[in-house]
Amino acid sequence: MWDWDEALFSIAVGNYDVVLHHPHPPGFPLYIALAKLIRFLVHSDFHALQAITTVASIAMFPLLFWLARELRFPLRTAFLCSLLFVFFPNVWFFGGTAFSDIPGLALLIAASATLLRG
């Protein structure tokens, strides 16, 4: 674990109480709920959180490409800006940790693209 927050997130997978884990980052209850589902497939709470973050970081490219196309960017621009974004240090480095930043960002981008599509 890199940070104290990862330890707190791992503890929350086993025993989550809104009052005790307050204030929490946006989307934290959903993040913990997904980790509880993944926990049946992996051997630790920490690895369950890491799996969610890794899948979200992998999904970042297609989500950003979708958002850029919904914003009417040309195909080449949408591809290149999505490619550039996924190699930013915050996505590249934090994509393998147990922080909720990357899944939160992925959900934000998916919600924005869905809103523009609607």
PDB file of N, CA and C in Angstrom:
ATOM      1  N   MET A   1       0.838  -1.178   0.000  1.00  0.00           N
ATOM      2  CA  MET A   1       0.000   0.000   0.000  1.00  0.00           C
ATOM      3  C   MET A   1       0.886   1.245   0.000  1.00  0.00           C
ATOM      4  N   TRP A   2       0.487   2.214  -0.784  1.00  0.00           N
ATOM      5  CA  TRP A   2       1.267   3.435  -0.936  1.00  0.00           C
ATOM      6  C   TRP A   2       0.876   4.509   0.070  1.00  0.00           C
ATOM      7  N   ASP A   3      -0.337   4.520   0.484  1.00  0.00           N
ATOM      8  CA  ASP A   3      -0.840   5.659   1.238  1.00  0.00           C
ATOM      9  C   ASP A   3      -1.808   5.177   2.317  1.00  0.00           C
ATOM     10  N   TRP A   4      -2.015   6.017   3.313  1.00  0.00           N
ATOM     11  CA  TRP A   4      -2.947   5.702   4.395  1.00  0.00           C
ATOM     12  C   TRP A   4      -4.368   5.551   3.867  1.00  0.00           C
ATOM     13  N   ASP A   5      -4.711   6.304   2.835  1.00  0.00           N
ATOM     14  CA  ASP A   5      -6.056   6.206   2.265  1.00  0.00           C
ATOM     15  C   ASP A   5      -6.342   4.807   1.734  1.00  0.00           C
ATOM     16  N   GLU A   6      -5.331   4.168   1.147  1.00  0.00           N
ATOM     17  CA  GLU A   6      -5.544   2.809   0.653  1.00  0.00           C
ATOM     18  C   GLU A   6      -5.859   1.852   1.799  1.00  0.00           C
ATOM     19  N   ALA A   7      -5.209   2.047   2.927  1.00  0.00           N
ATOM     20  CA  ALA A   7      -5.510   1.209   4.092  1.00  0.00           C
ATOM     21  C   ALA A   7      -6.931   1.459   4.581  1.00  0.00           C
ATOM     22  N   LEU A   8      -7.343   2.710   4.622  1.00  0.00           N
ATOM     23  CA  LEU A   8      -8.715   3.026   5.038  1.00  0.00           C
ATOM     24  C   LEU A   8      -9.735   2.455   4.059  1.00  0.00           C
ATOM     25  N   PHE A   9      -9.444   2.530   2.767  1.00  0.00           N
ATOM     26  CA  PHE A   9     -10.348   1.966   1.769  1.00  0.00           C
ATOM     27  C   PHE A   9     -10.457   0.455   1.944  1.00  0.00           C
ATOM     28  N   SER A  10      -9.326  -0.211   2.201  1.00  0.00           N
ATOM     29  CA  SER A  10      -9.349  -1.663   2.395  1.00  0.00           C
ATOM     30  C   SER A  10     -10.143  -2.047   3.635  1.00  0.00           C
ATOM     31  N   ILE A  11     -10.023  -1.275   4.696  1.00  0.00           N
ATOM     32  CA  ILE A  11     -10.803  -1.529   5.909  1.00  0.00           C
ATOM     33  C   ILE A  11     -12.292  -1.344   5.632  1.00  0.00           C
ATOM     34  N   ALA A  12     -12.612  -0.352   4.788  1.00  0.00           N
ATOM     35  CA  ALA A  12     -14.016  -0.076   4.482  1.00  0.00           C
ATOM     36  C   ALA A  12     -14.665  -1.218   3.705  1.00  0.00           C
ATOM     37  N   VAL A  13     -13.875  -1.980   2.940  1.00  0.00           N
ATOM     38  CA  VAL A  13     -14.452  -3.117   2.209  1.00  0.00           C
ATOM     39  C   VAL A  13     -14.985  -4.151   3.191  1.00  0.00           C
ATOM     40  N   GLY A  14     -14.269  -4.371   4.269  1.00  0.00           N
ATOM     41  CA  GLY A  14     -14.710  -5.350   5.263  1.00  0.00           C
ATOM     42  C   GLY A  14     -15.804  -4.838   6.165  1.00  0.00           C
ATOM     43  N   ASN A  15     -15.730  -3.564   6.537  1.00  0.00           N
ATOM     44  CA  ASN A  15     -16.695  -3.008   7.477  1.00  0.00           C
ATOM     45  C   ASN A  15     -16.948  -1.545   7.118  1.00  0.00           C
ATOM     46  N   TYR A  16     -17.947  -1.287   6.312  1.00  0.00           N
ATOM     47  CA  TYR A  16     -18.235   0.072   5.862  1.00  0.00           C
ATOM     48  C   TYR A  16     -19.404   0.651   6.648  1.00  0.00           C
ATOM     49  N   ASP A  17     -19.163   1.801   7.240  1.00  0.00           N
ATOM     50  CA  ASP A  17     -20.187   2.540   7.960  1.00  0.00           C
ATOM     51  C   ASP A  17     -20.078   3.995   7.518  1.00  0.00           C
ATOM     52  N   VAL A  18     -21.168   4.551   7.013  1.00  0.00           N
ATOM     53  CA  VAL A  18     -21.146   5.909   6.475  1.00  0.00           C
ATOM     54  C   VAL A  18     -20.710   6.918   7.524  1.00  0.00           C
ATOM     55  N   VAL A  19     -21.133   6.732   8.747  1.00  0.00           N
ATOM     56  CA  VAL A  19     -20.801   7.674   9.818  1.00  0.00           C
ATOM     57  C   VAL A  19     -19.313   7.627  10.150  1.00  0.00           C
ATOM     58  N   LEU A  20     -18.744   6.427  10.200  1.00  0.00           N
ATOM     59  CA  LEU A  20     -17.329   6.299  10.549  1.00  0.00           C
ATOM     60  C   LEU A  20     -16.406   6.709   9.414  1.00  0.00           C
ATOM     61  N   HIS A  21     -16.812   6.524   8.197  1.00  0.00           N
ATOM     62  CA  HIS A  21     -15.986   6.869   7.039  1.00  0.00           C
ATOM     63  C   HIS A  21     -16.466   8.178   6.417  1.00  0.00           C
ATOM     64  N   HIS A  22     -16.555   9.187   7.241  1.00  0.00           N
ATOM     65  CA  HIS A  22     -17.038  10.489   6.769  1.00  0.00           C
ATOM     66  C   HIS A  22     -16.006  11.540   7.108  1.00  0.00           C
ATOM     67  N   PRO A  23     -15.617  12.420   6.262  1.00  0.00           N
ATOM     68  CA  PRO A  23     -16.070  12.587   4.874  1.00  0.00           C
ATOM     69  C   PRO A  23     -15.350  11.603   3.952  1.00  0.00           C
ATOM     70  N   HIS A  24     -16.026  11.210   2.937  1.00  0.00           N
ATOM     71  CA  HIS A  24     -15.439  10.294   1.975  1.00  0.00           C
ATOM     72  C   HIS A  24     -15.473  10.927   0.590  1.00  0.00           C
ATOM     73  N   PRO A  25     -14.624  10.438  -0.319  1.00  0.00           N
ATOM     74  CA  PRO A  25     -14.603  11.002  -1.667  1.00  0.00           C
ATOM     75  C   PRO A  25     -15.917  10.734  -2.398  1.00  0.00           C
ATOM     76  N   PRO A  26     -16.229  11.533  -3.404  1.00  0.00           N
ATOM     77  CA  PRO A  26     -17.448  11.291  -4.185  1.00  0.00           C
ATOM     78  C   PRO A  26     -17.418   9.902  -4.831  1.00  0.00           C
ATOM     79  N   GLY A  27     -18.513   9.229  -4.771  1.00  0.00           N
ATOM     80  CA  GLY A  27     -18.612   7.896  -5.353  1.00  0.00           C
ATOM     81  C   GLY A  27     -18.051   6.796  -4.478  1.00  0.00           C
ATOM     82  N   PHE A  28     -17.629   7.114  -3.285  1.00  0.00           N
ATOM     83  CA  PHE A  28     -17.000   6.130  -2.406  1.00  0.00           C
ATOM     84  C   PHE A  28     -17.925   4.969  -2.053  1.00  0.00           C
ATOM     85  N   PRO A  29     -19.201   5.199  -1.717  1.00  0.00           N
ATOM     86  CA  PRO A  29     -20.069   4.043  -1.427  1.00  0.00           C
ATOM     87  C   PRO A  29     -20.204   3.084  -2.613  1.00  0.00           C
ATOM     88  N   LEU A  30     -20.277   3.614  -3.825  1.00  0.00           N
ATOM     89  CA  LEU A  30     -20.345   2.752  -5.016  1.00  0.00           C
ATOM     90  C   LEU A  30     -19.034   1.994  -5.202  1.00  0.00           C
ATOM     91  N   TYR A  31     -17.929   2.666  -4.969  1.00  0.00           N
ATOM     92  CA  TYR A  31     -16.606   2.047  -5.077  1.00  0.00           C
ATOM     93  C   TYR A  31     -16.474   0.882  -4.100  1.00  0.00           C
ATOM     94  N   ILE A  32     -16.913   1.081  -2.884  1.00  0.00           N
ATOM     95  CA  ILE A  32     -16.843   0.024  -1.876  1.00  0.00           C
ATOM     96  C   ILE A  32     -17.817  -1.110  -2.208  1.00  0.00           C
ATOM     97  N   ALA A  33     -18.995  -0.774  -2.718  1.00  0.00           N
ATOM     98  CA  ALA A  33     -19.956  -1.820  -3.102  1.00  0.00           C
ATOM     99  C   ALA A  33     -19.395  -2.698  -4.218  1.00  0.00           C
ATOM    100  N   LEU A  34     -18.752  -2.088  -5.198  1.00  0.00           N
ATOM    101  CA  LEU A  34     -18.124  -2.876  -6.265  1.00  0.00           C
ATOM    102  C   LEU A  34     -16.992  -3.740  -5.709  1.00  0.00           C
ATOM    103  N   ALA A  35     -16.216  -3.194  -4.777  1.00  0.00           N
ATOM    104  CA  ALA A  35     -15.121  -3.964  -4.179  1.00  0.00           C
ATOM    105  C   ALA A  35     -15.650  -5.163  -3.408  1.00  0.00           C
ATOM    106  N   LYS A  36     -16.806  -5.003  -2.755  1.00  0.00           N
ATOM    107  CA  LYS A  36     -17.390  -6.138  -2.032  1.00  0.00           C
ATOM    108  C   LYS A  36     -17.818  -7.242  -2.998  1.00  0.00           C
ATOM    109  N   LEU A  37     -18.257  -6.864  -4.193  1.00  0.00           N
ATOM    110  CA  LEU A  37     -18.604  -7.877  -5.198  1.00  0.00           C
ATOM    111  C   LEU A  37     -17.357  -8.563  -5.752  1.00  0.00           C
ATOM    112  N   ILE A  38     -16.320  -7.788  -6.023  1.00  0.00           N
ATOM    113  CA  ILE A  38     -15.071  -8.334  -6.559  1.00  0.00           C
ATOM    114  C   ILE A  38     -14.353  -9.183  -5.511  1.00  0.00           C
ATOM    115  N   ARG A  39     -14.603  -8.899  -4.262  1.00  0.00           N
ATOM    116  CA  ARG A  39     -13.924  -9.604  -3.156  1.00  0.00           C
ATOM    117  C   ARG A  39     -14.159 -11.106  -3.202  1.00  0.00           C
ATOM    118  N   PHE A  40     -15.257 -11.530  -3.807  1.00  0.00           N
ATOM    119  CA  PHE A  40     -15.527 -12.963  -3.935  1.00  0.00           C
ATOM    120  C   PHE A  40     -14.572 -13.637  -4.922  1.00  0.00           C
ATOM    121  N   LEU A  41     -13.942 -12.848  -5.794  1.00  0.00           N
ATOM    122  CA  LEU A  41     -13.062 -13.392  -6.833  1.00  0.00           C
ATOM    123  C   LEU A  41     -11.577 -13.291  -6.498  1.00  0.00           C
ATOM    124  N   VAL A  42     -11.205 -12.395  -5.604  1.00  0.00           N
ATOM    125  CA  VAL A  42      -9.791 -12.204  -5.258  1.00  0.00           C
ATOM    126  C   VAL A  42      -9.581 -12.487  -3.776  1.00  0.00           C
ATOM    127  N   HIS A  43      -8.326 -12.572  -3.364  1.00  0.00           N
ATOM    128  CA  HIS A  43      -8.036 -13.030  -2.008  1.00  0.00           C
ATOM    129  C   HIS A  43      -7.861 -11.930  -0.964  1.00  0.00           C
ATOM    130  N   SER A  44      -7.925 -10.655  -1.351  1.00  0.00           N
ATOM    131  CA  SER A  44      -7.779  -9.604  -0.334  1.00  0.00           C
ATOM    132  C   SER A  44      -8.617  -8.384  -0.707  1.00  0.00           C
ATOM    133  N   ASP A  45      -8.923  -7.597   0.304  1.00  0.00           N
ATOM    134  CA  ASP A  45      -9.679  -6.359   0.086  1.00  0.00           C
ATOM    135  C   ASP A  45      -8.895  -5.381  -0.773  1.00  0.00           C
ATOM    136  N   PHE A  46      -7.596  -5.295  -0.528  1.00  0.00           N
ATOM    137  CA  PHE A  46      -6.738  -4.391  -1.280  1.00  0.00           C
ATOM    138  C   PHE A  46      -6.720  -4.742  -2.762  1.00  0.00           C
ATOM    139  N   HIS A  47      -6.624  -6.027  -3.069  1.00  0.00           N
ATOM    140  CA  HIS A  47      -6.607  -6.441  -4.479  1.00  0.00           C
ATOM    141  C   HIS A  47      -7.971  -6.259  -5.152  1.00  0.00           C
ATOM    142  N   ALA A  48      -9.024  -6.323  -4.391  1.00  0.00           N
ATOM    143  CA  ALA A  48     -10.348  -6.030  -4.955  1.00  0.00           C
ATOM    144  C   ALA A  48     -10.432  -4.569  -5.380  1.00  0.00           C
ATOM    145  N   LEU A  49      -9.917  -3.681  -4.540  1.00  0.00           N
ATOM    146  CA  LEU A  49      -9.902  -2.260  -4.888  1.00  0.00           C
ATOM    147  C   LEU A  49      -8.978  -1.993  -6.069  1.00  0.00           C
ATOM    148  N   GLN A  50      -7.838  -2.652  -6.098  1.00  0.00           N
ATOM    149  CA  GLN A  50      -6.911  -2.498  -7.216  1.00  0.00           C
ATOM    150  C   GLN A  50      -7.531  -2.977  -8.523  1.00  0.00           C
ATOM    151  N   ALA A  51      -8.283  -4.048  -8.480  1.00  0.00           N
ATOM    152  CA  ALA A  51      -8.909  -4.577  -9.700  1.00  0.00           C
ATOM    153  C   ALA A  51      -9.900  -3.569 -10.278  1.00  0.00           C
ATOM    154  N   ILE A  52     -10.672  -2.939  -9.429  1.00  0.00           N
ATOM    155  CA  ILE A  52     -11.633  -1.943  -9.905  1.00  0.00           C
ATOM    156  C   ILE A  52     -10.912  -0.761 -10.543  1.00  0.00           C
ATOM    157  N   THR A  53      -9.846  -0.294  -9.901  1.00  0.00           N
ATOM    158  CA  THR A  53      -9.096   0.841 -10.429  1.00  0.00           C
ATOM    159  C   THR A  53      -8.409   0.480 -11.735  1.00  0.00           C
ATOM    160  N   THR A  54      -7.886  -0.727 -11.843  1.00  0.00           N
ATOM    161  CA  THR A  54      -7.220  -1.145 -13.076  1.00  0.00           C
ATOM    162  C   THR A  54      -8.212  -1.246 -14.228  1.00  0.00           C
ATOM    163  N   VAL A  55      -9.356  -1.811 -13.982  1.00  0.00           N
ATOM    164  CA  VAL A  55     -10.384  -1.905 -15.041  1.00  0.00           C
ATOM    165  C   VAL A  55     -10.852  -0.507 -15.456  1.00  0.00           C
ATOM    166  N   ALA A  56     -11.001   0.392 -14.499  1.00  0.00           N
ATOM    167  CA  ALA A  56     -11.406   1.761 -14.821  1.00  0.00           C
ATOM    168  C   ALA A  56     -10.339   2.478 -15.634  1.00  0.00           C
ATOM    169  N   SER A  57      -9.069   2.244 -15.325  1.00  0.00           N
ATOM    170  CA  SER A  57      -8.012   2.898 -16.091  1.00  0.00           C
ATOM    171  C   SER A  57      -7.917   2.325 -17.505  1.00  0.00           C
ATOM    172  N   ILE A  58      -8.206   1.054 -17.662  1.00  0.00           N
ATOM    173  CA  ILE A  58      -8.232   0.453 -18.998  1.00  0.00           C
ATOM    174  C   ILE A  58      -9.417   0.997 -19.799  1.00  0.00           C
ATOM    175  N   ALA A  59     -10.534   1.213 -19.143  1.00  0.00           N
ATOM    176  CA  ALA A  59     -11.727   1.722 -19.820  1.00  0.00           C
ATOM    177  C   ALA A  59     -11.643   3.211 -20.126  1.00  0.00           C
ATOM    178  N   MET A  60     -10.630   3.884 -19.612  1.00  0.00           N
ATOM    179  CA  MET A  60     -10.532   5.328 -19.792  1.00  0.00           C
ATOM    180  C   MET A  60     -10.392   5.729 -21.264  1.00  0.00           C
ATOM    181  N   PHE A  61      -9.592   4.989 -22.040  1.00  0.00           N
ATOM    182  CA  PHE A  61      -9.421   5.352 -23.454  1.00  0.00           C
ATOM    183  C   PHE A  61     -10.727   5.293 -24.241  1.00  0.00           C
ATOM    184  N   PRO A  62     -11.459   4.166 -24.216  1.00  0.00           N
ATOM    185  CA  PRO A  62     -12.704   4.167 -24.989  1.00  0.00           C
ATOM    186  C   PRO A  62     -13.735   5.167 -24.476  1.00  0.00           C
ATOM    187  N   LEU A  63     -13.761   5.399 -23.178  1.00  0.00           N
ATOM    188  CA  LEU A  63     -14.711   6.387 -22.642  1.00  0.00           C
ATOM    189  C   LEU A  63     -14.375   7.799 -23.121  1.00  0.00           C
ATOM    190  N   LEU A  64     -13.103   8.142 -23.096  1.00  0.00           N
ATOM    191  CA  LEU A  64     -12.706   9.469 -23.566  1.00  0.00           C
ATOM    192  C   LEU A  64     -12.918   9.618 -25.066  1.00  0.00           C
ATOM    193  N   PHE A  65     -12.651   8.565 -25.811  1.00  0.00           N
ATOM    194  CA  PHE A  65     -12.888   8.607 -27.246  1.00  0.00           C
ATOM    195  C   PHE A  65     -14.371   8.817 -27.529  1.00  0.00           C
ATOM    196  N   TRP A  66     -15.208   8.130 -26.791  1.00  0.00           N
ATOM    197  CA  TRP A  66     -16.657   8.284 -26.933  1.00  0.00           C
ATOM    198  C   TRP A  66     -17.091   9.708 -26.597  1.00  0.00           C
ATOM    199  N   LEU A  67     -16.565  10.250 -25.497  1.00  0.00           N
ATOM    200  CA  LEU A  67     -16.907  11.620 -25.118  1.00  0.00           C
ATOM    201  C   LEU A  67     -16.450  12.621 -26.176  1.00  0.00           C
ATOM    202  N   ALA A  68     -15.249  12.444 -26.689  1.00  0.00           N
ATOM    203  CA  ALA A  68     -14.744  13.364 -27.717  1.00  0.00           C
ATOM    204  C   ALA A  68     -15.577  13.281 -28.990  1.00  0.00           C
ATOM    205  N   ARG A  69     -16.005  12.102 -29.361  1.00  0.00           N
ATOM    206  CA  ARG A  69     -16.852  11.970 -30.559  1.00  0.00           C
ATOM    207  C   ARG A  69     -18.232  12.577 -30.322  1.00  0.00           C
ATOM    208  N   GLU A  70     -18.746  12.467 -29.089  1.00  0.00           N
ATOM    209  CA  GLU A  70     -20.027  13.106 -28.771  1.00  0.00           C
ATOM    210  C   GLU A  70     -19.905  14.627 -28.770  1.00  0.00           C
ATOM    211  N   LEU A  71     -18.705  15.118 -28.496  1.00  0.00           N
ATOM    212  CA  LEU A  71     -18.452  16.560 -28.564  1.00  0.00           C
ATOM    213  C   LEU A  71     -18.150  17.017 -29.989  1.00  0.00           C
ATOM    214  N   ARG A  72     -18.284  16.118 -30.942  1.00  0.00           N
ATOM    215  CA  ARG A  72     -18.116  16.373 -32.369  1.00  0.00           C
ATOM    216  C   ARG A  72     -16.662  16.678 -32.761  1.00  0.00           C
ATOM    217  N   PHE A  73     -15.712  16.095 -32.043  1.00  0.00           N
ATOM    218  CA  PHE A  73     -14.316  16.229 -32.441  1.00  0.00           C
ATOM    219  C   PHE A  73     -14.075  15.352 -33.659  1.00  0.00           C
ATOM    220  N   PRO A  74     -13.166  15.754 -34.546  1.00  0.00           N
ATOM    221  CA  PRO A  74     -12.804  14.862 -35.658  1.00  0.00           C
ATOM    222  C   PRO A  74     -12.204  13.558 -35.128  1.00  0.00           C
ATOM    223  N   LEU A  75     -12.246  12.526 -35.942  1.00  0.00           N
ATOM    224  CA  LEU A  75     -11.797  11.204 -35.530  1.00  0.00           C
ATOM    225  C   LEU A  75     -10.345  11.218 -35.047  1.00  0.00           C
ATOM    226  N   ARG A  76      -9.471  11.855 -35.795  1.00  0.00           N
ATOM    227  CA  ARG A  76      -8.055  11.892 -35.427  1.00  0.00           C
ATOM    228  C   ARG A  76      -7.846  12.640 -34.113  1.00  0.00           C
ATOM    229  N   THR A  77      -8.507  13.752 -33.934  1.00  0.00           N
ATOM    230  CA  THR A  77      -8.371  14.535 -32.706  1.00  0.00           C
ATOM    231  C   THR A  77      -8.904  13.753 -31.508  1.00  0.00           C
ATOM    232  N   ALA A  78     -10.029  13.083 -31.672  1.00  0.00           N
ATOM    233  CA  ALA A  78     -10.598  12.286 -30.580  1.00  0.00           C
ATOM    234  C   ALA A  78      -9.651  11.165 -30.182  1.00  0.00           C
ATOM    235  N   PHE A  79      -9.055  10.520 -31.181  1.00  0.00           N
ATOM    236  CA  PHE A  79      -8.124   9.431 -30.910  1.00  0.00           C
ATOM    237  C   PHE A  79      -6.879   9.933 -30.192  1.00  0.00           C
ATOM    238  N   LEU A  80      -6.298  11.007 -30.696  1.00  0.00           N
ATOM    239  CA  LEU A  80      -5.059  11.513 -30.116  1.00  0.00           C
ATOM    240  C   LEU A  80      -5.251  12.117 -28.730  1.00  0.00           C
ATOM    241  N   CYS A  81      -6.348  12.828 -28.509  1.00  0.00           N
ATOM    242  CA  CYS A  81      -6.557  13.399 -27.171  1.00  0.00           C
ATOM    243  C   CYS A  81      -6.854  12.291 -26.153  1.00  0.00           C
ATOM    244  N   SER A  82      -7.546  11.244 -26.557  1.00  0.00           N
ATOM    245  CA  SER A  82      -7.794  10.116 -25.654  1.00  0.00           C
ATOM    246  C   SER A  82      -6.499   9.387 -25.345  1.00  0.00           C
ATOM    247  N   LEU A  83      -5.674   9.202 -26.351  1.00  0.00           N
ATOM    248  CA  LEU A  83      -4.391   8.542 -26.165  1.00  0.00           C
ATOM    249  C   LEU A  83      -3.476   9.359 -25.258  1.00  0.00           C
ATOM    250  N   LEU A  84      -3.461  10.656 -25.456  1.00  0.00           N
ATOM    251  CA  LEU A  84      -2.644  11.529 -24.613  1.00  0.00           C
ATOM    252  C   LEU A  84      -3.119  11.496 -23.168  1.00  0.00           C
ATOM    253  N   PHE A  85      -4.422  11.510 -22.964  1.00  0.00           N
ATOM    254  CA  PHE A  85      -4.961  11.549 -21.609  1.00  0.00           C
ATOM    255  C   PHE A  85      -4.624  10.289 -20.815  1.00  0.00           C
ATOM    256  N   VAL A  86      -4.703   9.126 -21.443  1.00  0.00           N
ATOM    257  CA  VAL A  86      -4.461   7.895 -20.690  1.00  0.00           C
ATOM    258  C   VAL A  86      -3.007   7.737 -20.286  1.00  0.00           C
ATOM    259  N   PHE A  87      -2.093   8.514 -20.862  1.00  0.00           N
ATOM    260  CA  PHE A  87      -0.699   8.469 -20.453  1.00  0.00           C
ATOM    261  C   PHE A  87      -0.307   9.618 -19.541  1.00  0.00           C
ATOM    262  N   PHE A  88      -1.271  10.400 -19.092  1.00  0.00           N
ATOM    263  CA  PHE A  88      -0.990  11.401 -18.066  1.00  0.00           C
ATOM    264  C   PHE A  88      -0.561  10.678 -16.795  1.00  0.00           C
ATOM    265  N   PRO A  89       0.301  11.293 -15.994  1.00  0.00           N
ATOM    266  CA  PRO A  89       0.782  10.615 -14.786  1.00  0.00           C
ATOM    267  C   PRO A  89      -0.319  10.223 -13.801  1.00  0.00           C
ATOM    268  N   ASN A  90      -1.369  11.028 -13.696  1.00  0.00           N
ATOM    269  CA  ASN A  90      -2.407  10.668 -12.730  1.00  0.00           C
ATOM    270  C   ASN A  90      -3.141   9.398 -13.137  1.00  0.00           C
ATOM    271  N   VAL A  91      -3.322   9.153 -14.416  1.00  0.00           N
ATOM    272  CA  VAL A  91      -3.970   7.916 -14.867  1.00  0.00           C
ATOM    273  C   VAL A  91      -2.954   6.780 -14.899  1.00  0.00           C
ATOM    274  N   TRP A  92      -1.774   7.042 -15.412  1.00  0.00           N
ATOM    275  CA  TRP A  92      -0.754   6.015 -15.572  1.00  0.00           C
ATOM    276  C   TRP A  92      -0.281   5.486 -14.218  1.00  0.00           C
ATOM    277  N   PHE A  93       0.000   6.386 -13.275  1.00  0.00           N
ATOM    278  CA  PHE A  93       0.514   5.971 -11.974  1.00  0.00           C
ATOM    279  C   PHE A  93      -0.589   5.462 -11.059  1.00  0.00           C
ATOM    280  N   PHE A  94      -1.674   6.232 -10.934  1.00  0.00           N
ATOM    281  CA  PHE A  94      -2.729   5.856 -10.002  1.00  0.00           C
ATOM    282  C   PHE A  94      -3.650   4.766 -10.551  1.00  0.00           C
ATOM    283  N   GLY A  95      -3.466   4.371 -11.805  1.00  0.00           N
ATOM    284  CA  GLY A  95      -4.283   3.319 -12.387  1.00  0.00           C
ATOM    285  C   GLY A  95      -4.061   1.952 -11.772  1.00  0.00           C
ATOM    286  N   GLY A  96      -2.960   1.770 -11.045  1.00  0.00           N
ATOM    287  CA  GLY A  96      -2.693   0.487 -10.414  1.00  0.00           C
ATOM    288  C   GLY A  96      -2.785   0.525  -8.903  1.00  0.00           C
ATOM    289  N   THR A  97      -3.266   1.623  -8.368  1.00  0.00           N
ATOM    290  CA  THR A  97      -3.375   1.745  -6.911  1.00  0.00           C
ATOM    291  C   THR A  97      -4.795   1.422  -6.474  1.00  0.00           C
ATOM    292  N   ALA A  98      -5.061   1.621  -5.209  1.00  0.00           N
ATOM    293  CA  ALA A  98      -6.400   1.344  -4.672  1.00  0.00           C
ATOM    294  C   ALA A  98      -7.116   2.633  -4.304  1.00  0.00           C
ATOM    295  N   PHE A  99      -6.876   3.693  -5.058  1.00  0.00           N
ATOM    296  CA  PHE A  99      -7.568   4.961  -4.832  1.00  0.00           C
ATOM    297  C   PHE A  99      -8.827   5.011  -5.684  1.00  0.00           C
ATOM    298  N   SER A 100      -9.770   5.827  -5.270  1.00  0.00           N
ATOM    299  CA  SER A 100     -11.036   5.915  -6.002  1.00  0.00           C
ATOM    300  C   SER A 100     -11.032   7.016  -7.055  1.00  0.00           C
ATOM    301  N   ASP A 101      -9.894   7.672  -7.293  1.00  0.00           N
ATOM    302  CA  ASP A 101      -9.836   8.780  -8.241  1.00  0.00           C
ATOM    303  C   ASP A 101     -10.134   8.339  -9.677  1.00  0.00           C
ATOM    304  N   ILE A 102      -9.494   7.295 -10.121  1.00  0.00           N
ATOM    305  CA  ILE A 102      -9.642   6.849 -11.510  1.00  0.00           C
ATOM    306  C   ILE A 102     -11.042   6.281 -11.766  1.00  0.00           C
ATOM    307  N   PRO A 103     -11.602   5.427 -10.903  1.00  0.00           N
ATOM    308  CA  PRO A 103     -12.982   4.994 -11.144  1.00  0.00           C
ATOM    309  C   PRO A 103     -13.978   6.153 -11.117  1.00  0.00           C
ATOM    310  N   GLY A 104     -13.748   7.117 -10.229  1.00  0.00           N
ATOM    311  CA  GLY A 104     -14.620   8.295 -10.193  1.00  0.00           C
ATOM    312  C   GLY A 104     -14.539   9.091 -11.481  1.00  0.00           C
ATOM    313  N   LEU A 105     -13.329   9.246 -11.999  1.00  0.00           N
ATOM    314  CA  LEU A 105     -13.142   9.968 -13.255  1.00  0.00           C
ATOM    315  C   LEU A 105     -13.765   9.217 -14.426  1.00  0.00           C
ATOM    316  N   ALA A 106     -13.626   7.900 -14.429  1.00  0.00           N
ATOM    317  CA  ALA A 106     -14.229   7.095 -15.496  1.00  0.00           C
ATOM    318  C   ALA A 106     -15.752   7.211 -15.475  1.00  0.00           C
ATOM    319  N   LEU A 107     -16.333   7.179 -14.296  1.00  0.00           N
ATOM    320  CA  LEU A 107     -17.790   7.327 -14.199  1.00  0.00           C
ATOM    321  C   LEU A 107     -18.235   8.729 -14.617  1.00  0.00           C
ATOM    322  N   LEU A 108     -17.447   9.740 -14.283  1.00  0.00           N
ATOM    323  CA  LEU A 108     -17.762  11.112 -14.689  1.00  0.00           C
ATOM    324  C   LEU A 108     -17.737  11.254 -16.210  1.00  0.00           C
ATOM    325  N   ILE A 109     -16.733  10.680 -16.844  1.00  0.00           N
ATOM    326  CA  ILE A 109     -16.630  10.752 -18.307  1.00  0.00           C
ATOM    327  C   ILE A 109     -17.760   9.976 -18.964  1.00  0.00           C
ATOM    328  N   ALA A 110     -18.089   8.801 -18.433  1.00  0.00           N
ATOM    329  CA  ALA A 110     -19.202   8.022 -18.984  1.00  0.00           C
ATOM    330  C   ALA A 110     -20.527   8.758 -18.822  1.00  0.00           C
ATOM    331  N   ALA A 111     -20.722   9.389 -17.676  1.00  0.00           N
ATOM    332  CA  ALA A 111     -21.960  10.144 -17.459  1.00  0.00           C
ATOM    333  C   ALA A 111     -22.036  11.349 -18.393  1.00  0.00           C
ATOM    334  N   SER A 112     -20.917  12.025 -18.609  1.00  0.00           N
ATOM    335  CA  SER A 112     -20.907  13.181 -19.513  1.00  0.00           C
ATOM    336  C   SER A 112     -21.219  12.770 -20.938  1.00  0.00           C
ATOM    337  N   ALA A 113     -20.596  11.683 -21.387  1.00  0.00           N
ATOM    338  CA  ALA A 113     -20.857  11.200 -22.751  1.00  0.00           C
ATOM    339  C   ALA A 113     -22.302  10.742 -22.907  1.00  0.00           C
ATOM    340  N   THR A 114     -22.840  10.090 -21.893  1.00  0.00           N
ATOM    341  CA  THR A 114     -24.238   9.652 -21.940  1.00  0.00           C
ATOM    342  C   THR A 114     -25.180  10.846 -21.978  1.00  0.00           C
ATOM    343  N   LEU A 115     -24.865  11.871 -21.215  1.00  0.00           N
ATOM    344  CA  LEU A 115     -25.698  13.072 -21.200  1.00  0.00           C
ATOM    345  C   LEU A 115     -25.686  13.764 -22.557  1.00  0.00           C
ATOM    346  N   LEU A 116     -24.530  13.844 -23.177  1.00  0.00           N
ATOM    347  CA  LEU A 116     -24.433  14.464 -24.505  1.00  0.00           C
ATOM    348  C   LEU A 116     -25.104  13.628 -25.571  1.00  0.00           C
ATOM    349  N   ARG A 117     -25.090  12.328 -25.404  1.00  0.00           N
ATOM    350  CA  ARG A 117     -25.720  11.458 -26.398  1.00  0.00           C
ATOM    351  C   ARG A 117     -27.236  11.535 -26.335  1.00  0.00           C
ATOM    352  N   GLY A 118     -27.762  11.704 -25.121  1.00  0.00           N
ATOM    353  CA  GLY A 118     -29.189  11.664 -24.891  1.00  0.00           C
ATOM    354  C   GLY A 118     -29.936  12.735 -25.582  1.00  0.00           C
TER     355      GLY A 118
END
